[in-house]
C-alpha cells in the first residue's frame, strides 16, 4: 500500500501493529544523502540512498509519532 505526503511532507500511516518499511521517491535533480550521519536522529536522513528504503519501521499497538527524515542534495555541477 502507498501513502503520499501532503505539500509539506506530512502523512498519516495507519496500519495494524507490525514491521513496515518506508520508501521515498526522490525528485528529479536530487540525490539522497548518507543515512544516520551525526548524533541528532531528528536531523539525519533515514533512507538508504541506493534504494530509497528506510530501515524497518515498527508500528506499535498504541499510536505514536515518529519522524523519518530524508536528506536531499543536488549533485555538484
N, C-alpha and C. Protein backbone atom coordinates (compact mmCIF):
# COMPACT_ATOMS: atom_id res chain seq x y z
N UNK A 1 0.85 -1.17 0.00
CA UNK A 1 0.00 0.00 0.00
C UNK A 1 0.89 1.22 0.00
N UNK A 2 0.45 2.30 -0.60
CA UNK A 2 1.26 3.51 -0.58
C UNK A 2 0.47 4.68 -0.03
N UNK A 3 1.21 5.62 0.55
CA UNK A 3 0.65 6.85 1.09
C UNK A 3 1.53 7.97 0.57
N UNK A 4 0.91 9.03 0.09
CA UNK A 4 1.65 10.18 -0.42
C UNK A 4 1.58 11.31 0.60
N UNK A 5 2.68 12.02 0.75
CA UNK A 5 2.71 13.15 1.69
C UNK A 5 1.92 14.32 1.14
N UNK A 6 1.58 15.23 2.06
CA UNK A 6 0.96 16.49 1.61
C UNK A 6 2.09 17.41 1.12
N UNK A 7 1.79 18.63 0.68
CA UNK A 7 2.84 19.51 0.13
C UNK A 7 4.01 19.81 1.08
N UNK A 8 3.82 19.70 2.40
CA UNK A 8 4.93 19.97 3.32
C UNK A 8 5.55 18.69 3.87
N UNK A 9 5.18 17.53 3.31
CA UNK A 9 5.83 16.28 3.68
C UNK A 9 5.19 15.50 4.81
N UNK A 10 3.99 15.88 5.24
CA UNK A 10 3.33 15.17 6.34
C UNK A 10 2.42 14.09 5.76
N UNK A 11 2.36 12.96 6.44
CA UNK A 11 1.46 11.88 6.04
C UNK A 11 0.97 11.15 7.27
N UNK A 12 -0.11 10.41 7.10
CA UNK A 12 -0.62 9.55 8.17
C UNK A 12 -0.48 8.11 7.71
N UNK A 13 0.09 7.32 8.59
CA UNK A 13 0.31 5.92 8.30
C UNK A 13 -0.51 5.12 9.31
N UNK A 14 -1.59 4.57 8.85
CA UNK A 14 -2.45 3.79 9.74
C UNK A 14 -2.39 2.34 9.31
N UNK A 15 -1.98 1.50 10.24
CA UNK A 15 -1.84 0.09 9.92
C UNK A 15 -1.90 -0.74 11.20
N UNK A 16 -2.12 -2.01 11.03
CA UNK A 16 -2.08 -2.92 12.17
C UNK A 16 -0.66 -2.96 12.71
N UNK A 17 -0.50 -3.23 14.01
CA UNK A 17 0.86 -3.34 14.56
C UNK A 17 1.68 -4.32 13.74
N UNK A 18 2.93 -4.00 13.54
CA UNK A 18 3.81 -4.87 12.77
C UNK A 18 5.05 -4.14 12.33
N UNK A 19 5.76 -4.74 11.39
CA UNK A 19 7.01 -4.17 10.87
C UNK A 19 6.78 -3.75 9.42
N UNK A 20 7.10 -2.52 9.13
CA UNK A 20 6.90 -1.96 7.80
C UNK A 20 8.16 -1.23 7.37
N UNK A 21 8.23 -0.87 6.10
CA UNK A 21 9.32 -0.04 5.60
C UNK A 21 8.73 1.11 4.82
N UNK A 22 9.44 2.23 4.81
CA UNK A 22 9.04 3.41 4.07
C UNK A 22 9.97 3.58 2.88
N UNK A 23 9.44 4.09 1.79
CA UNK A 23 10.27 4.35 0.61
C UNK A 23 10.02 5.77 0.13
N UNK A 24 11.09 6.45 -0.18
CA UNK A 24 10.99 7.81 -0.70
C UNK A 24 11.24 7.79 -2.20
N UNK A 25 10.45 8.55 -2.93
CA UNK A 25 10.68 8.76 -4.36
C UNK A 25 11.39 10.11 -4.45
N UNK A 26 12.63 10.08 -4.84
CA UNK A 26 13.47 11.29 -4.86
C UNK A 26 13.12 12.14 -6.09
N UNK A 27 12.83 13.42 -5.88
CA UNK A 27 12.52 14.30 -7.02
C UNK A 27 13.71 14.41 -7.97
N UNK A 28 13.43 14.62 -9.24
CA UNK A 28 14.47 14.79 -10.24
C UNK A 28 15.45 15.90 -9.87
N UNK A 29 16.72 15.68 -10.13
CA UNK A 29 17.74 16.68 -9.85
C UNK A 29 18.32 16.58 -8.45
N UNK A 30 17.82 15.65 -7.62
CA UNK A 30 18.29 15.48 -6.25
C UNK A 30 18.78 14.05 -6.04
N UNK A 31 19.62 13.87 -5.02
CA UNK A 31 20.02 12.55 -4.56
C UNK A 31 19.89 12.53 -3.04
N UNK A 32 19.73 11.34 -2.47
CA UNK A 32 19.67 11.20 -1.02
C UNK A 32 21.06 11.28 -0.42
N UNK A 33 21.16 11.90 0.76
CA UNK A 33 22.42 11.93 1.49
C UNK A 33 22.61 10.60 2.20
N UNK A 34 23.79 10.39 2.79
CA UNK A 34 24.05 9.18 3.55
C UNK A 34 23.15 9.14 4.79
N UNK A 35 22.65 7.96 5.16
CA UNK A 35 21.77 7.86 6.32
C UNK A 35 22.52 7.87 7.65
N UNK A 36 21.79 8.28 8.69
CA UNK A 36 22.26 8.18 10.08
C UNK A 36 23.61 8.83 10.33
N UNK A 37 23.81 10.01 9.76
CA UNK A 37 25.05 10.74 9.98
C UNK A 37 24.87 11.71 11.14
N UNK A 38 25.84 11.80 12.02
CA UNK A 38 25.75 12.70 13.16
C UNK A 38 25.06 12.05 14.35
N UNK A 39 24.85 12.84 15.38
CA UNK A 39 24.30 12.30 16.63
C UNK A 39 22.86 12.72 16.88
N UNK A 40 22.29 13.57 16.04
CA UNK A 40 20.92 14.04 16.23
C UNK A 40 19.99 13.30 15.27
N UNK A 41 19.26 12.30 15.79
CA UNK A 41 18.39 11.47 14.94
C UNK A 41 17.28 12.29 14.29
N UNK A 42 16.92 13.42 14.86
CA UNK A 42 15.87 14.26 14.29
C UNK A 42 16.36 15.07 13.09
N UNK A 43 17.68 15.04 12.85
CA UNK A 43 18.22 15.87 11.76
C UNK A 43 18.99 15.06 10.71
N UNK A 44 19.02 13.75 10.84
CA UNK A 44 19.74 12.95 9.86
C UNK A 44 18.77 12.34 8.86
N UNK A 45 19.30 11.78 7.79
CA UNK A 45 18.47 11.10 6.81
C UNK A 45 18.25 9.66 7.28
N UNK A 46 17.06 9.14 7.04
CA UNK A 46 16.71 7.79 7.48
C UNK A 46 16.49 6.84 6.31
N UNK A 47 16.97 7.19 5.14
CA UNK A 47 16.74 6.39 3.94
C UNK A 47 18.05 6.00 3.27
N UNK A 48 18.09 4.78 2.73
CA UNK A 48 19.26 4.29 2.00
C UNK A 48 19.32 4.98 0.65
N UNK A 49 20.42 5.69 0.33
CA UNK A 49 20.49 6.42 -0.94
C UNK A 49 20.48 5.51 -2.16
N UNK A 50 20.88 4.26 -2.02
CA UNK A 50 20.91 3.35 -3.16
C UNK A 50 19.52 2.80 -3.50
N UNK A 51 18.65 2.67 -2.48
CA UNK A 51 17.35 2.03 -2.70
C UNK A 51 16.15 2.93 -2.44
N UNK A 52 16.34 3.96 -1.62
CA UNK A 52 15.23 4.82 -1.22
C UNK A 52 14.40 4.25 -0.08
N UNK A 53 14.78 3.08 0.45
CA UNK A 53 14.02 2.43 1.53
C UNK A 53 14.59 2.80 2.90
N UNK A 54 13.70 2.85 3.89
CA UNK A 54 14.11 3.08 5.28
C UNK A 54 14.47 1.74 5.91
N UNK A 55 15.04 1.81 7.11
CA UNK A 55 15.16 0.61 7.93
C UNK A 55 13.75 0.19 8.30
N UNK A 56 13.56 -1.03 8.77
CA UNK A 56 12.21 -1.44 9.19
C UNK A 56 11.63 -0.49 10.23
N UNK A 57 10.35 -0.21 10.08
CA UNK A 57 9.60 0.66 10.98
C UNK A 57 8.67 -0.22 11.79
N UNK A 58 8.74 -0.12 13.10
CA UNK A 58 7.86 -0.90 13.96
C UNK A 58 6.65 -0.04 14.32
N UNK A 59 5.47 -0.52 14.00
CA UNK A 59 4.24 0.18 14.36
C UNK A 59 3.65 -0.53 15.57
N UNK A 60 3.69 0.13 16.73
CA UNK A 60 3.18 -0.49 17.96
C UNK A 60 1.66 -0.44 18.01
N UNK A 61 1.11 -1.08 19.04
CA UNK A 61 -0.35 -1.09 19.20
C UNK A 61 -0.89 0.30 19.48
N UNK A 62 -0.20 1.06 20.30
CA UNK A 62 -0.65 2.42 20.62
C UNK A 62 -0.13 3.39 19.57
N UNK A 63 -0.87 4.43 19.28
CA UNK A 63 -0.45 5.42 18.29
C UNK A 63 0.77 6.18 18.81
N UNK A 64 1.75 6.36 17.96
CA UNK A 64 2.93 7.14 18.31
C UNK A 64 3.26 8.08 17.16
N UNK A 65 4.09 9.03 17.42
CA UNK A 65 4.55 9.94 16.38
C UNK A 65 6.05 9.72 16.21
N UNK A 66 6.47 9.57 14.99
CA UNK A 66 7.88 9.40 14.68
C UNK A 66 8.16 10.18 13.41
N UNK A 67 9.31 10.72 13.33
CA UNK A 67 9.69 11.48 12.15
C UNK A 67 10.80 10.71 11.42
N UNK A 68 10.56 10.47 10.15
CA UNK A 68 11.58 9.89 9.29
C UNK A 68 12.00 11.01 8.35
N UNK A 69 13.27 11.35 8.42
CA UNK A 69 13.79 12.46 7.64
C UNK A 69 14.49 11.94 6.39
N UNK A 70 14.43 12.72 5.34
CA UNK A 70 15.17 12.41 4.12
C UNK A 70 16.06 13.59 3.80
N UNK A 71 17.37 13.34 3.80
CA UNK A 71 18.32 14.37 3.42
C UNK A 71 18.50 14.36 1.90
N UNK A 72 18.20 15.48 1.27
CA UNK A 72 18.35 15.59 -0.18
C UNK A 72 19.41 16.62 -0.52
N UNK A 73 20.13 16.35 -1.58
CA UNK A 73 21.15 17.29 -2.05
C UNK A 73 21.14 17.29 -3.57
N UNK A 74 21.71 18.32 -4.16
CA UNK A 74 21.86 18.34 -5.61
C UNK A 74 23.29 17.93 -5.92
N UNK A 75 23.46 17.14 -6.98
CA UNK A 75 24.83 16.73 -7.34
C UNK A 75 25.66 17.94 -7.75
N UNK A 76 26.97 17.90 -7.49
CA UNK A 76 27.82 19.03 -7.93
C UNK A 76 27.82 19.16 -9.44
N UNK A 77 27.97 20.37 -9.91
CA UNK A 77 27.98 20.63 -11.37
C UNK A 77 29.37 20.41 -11.91
